[in-house]
Amino acid sequence: MNPGVVETEFAVRLTNSKEGVNPYADKPCIKAQDISQIVINILQMPAHVEINDVLIRPTFQVQ
């Protein structure tokens, strides 16, 4: 899986934000719950379905 930008606390730590401000909070980023829902959907596929790759991208891409 390649989820692109996912809104987590990592962004706050990466930017050393003392206020705890997430620099992506105002962007339409993928949330951790989105990824977990995709994993659940994959695990619920019938046995005759094989998934080899999953590419997940937010509508917003960091330049």
Protein backbone atom coordinates (compact mmCIF):
# COMPACT_ATOMS: atom_id res chain seq x y z
CA MET A 1 0.00 0.00 0.00
CA ASN A 2 1.15 3.51 -0.76
CA PRO A 3 -1.22 5.88 1.04
CA GLY A 4 0.45 9.21 0.34
CA VAL A 5 -0.22 11.90 2.97
CA VAL A 6 -2.00 10.47 5.98
CA GLU A 7 -3.09 12.76 8.79
CA THR A 8 -1.33 11.48 11.92
CA GLU A 9 0.52 12.99 14.88
CA PHE A 10 3.77 12.38 12.97
CA ALA A 11 3.34 15.66 11.06
CA VAL A 12 3.20 17.61 14.32
CA ARG A 13 6.38 15.90 15.54
CA LEU A 14 8.13 16.35 12.19
CA THR A 15 7.55 20.12 12.18
CA ASN A 16 8.43 20.47 15.89
CA SER A 17 5.19 22.36 16.40
CA LYS A 18 5.10 23.50 20.02
CA GLU A 19 1.38 24.26 19.74
CA GLY A 20 0.63 20.77 18.45
CA VAL A 21 -0.65 22.19 15.17
CA ASN A 22 -1.01 19.68 12.37
CA PRO A 23 0.23 21.33 9.13
CA TYR A 24 -2.12 19.13 7.10
CA ALA A 25 -5.26 19.70 9.18
CA ASP A 26 -6.76 22.08 6.61
CA LYS A 27 -5.96 19.75 3.67
CA PRO A 28 -8.09 16.79 2.54
CA CYS A 29 -5.63 14.16 3.77
CA ILE A 30 -6.26 10.48 4.23
CA LYS A 31 -6.98 9.58 7.83
CA ALA A 32 -5.77 6.48 9.64
CA GLN A 33 -9.38 5.25 9.76
CA ASP A 34 -9.50 5.36 5.93
CA ILE A 35 -6.50 3.03 5.72
CA SER A 36 -7.88 0.65 8.34
CA GLN A 37 -11.20 0.48 6.49
CA ILE A 38 -9.41 -0.45 3.26
CA VAL A 39 -7.47 -3.20 5.07
CA ILE A 40 -10.71 -4.56 6.51
CA ASN A 41 -12.32 -4.54 3.05
CA ILE A 42 -9.34 -6.43 1.61
CA LEU A 43 -9.47 -9.04 4.38
CA GLN A 44 -13.18 -9.58 3.77
CA MET A 45 -12.73 -10.42 0.08
CA PRO A 46 -13.73 -13.93 -0.95
CA ALA A 47 -11.02 -16.60 -1.05
CA HIS A 48 -11.05 -16.65 -4.87
CA VAL A 49 -10.02 -12.97 -5.06
CA GLU A 50 -6.32 -12.13 -4.97
CA ILE A 51 -5.24 -8.53 -4.39
CA ASN A 52 -1.64 -7.86 -5.37
CA ASP A 53 -1.32 -4.09 -5.08
CA VAL A 54 -3.22 -1.28 -3.45
CA LEU A 55 -2.47 2.34 -4.30
CA ILE A 56 -4.22 4.92 -2.18
CA ARG A 57 -3.81 8.63 -2.78
CA PRO A 58 -5.41 11.66 -1.18
CA THR A 59 -7.01 14.24 -3.41
CA PHE A 60 -4.35 16.68 -2.13
CA GLN A 61 -0.71 15.94 -2.99
CA VAL A 62 2.21 17.62 -1.20
CA GLN A 63 4.51 19.28 -3.70
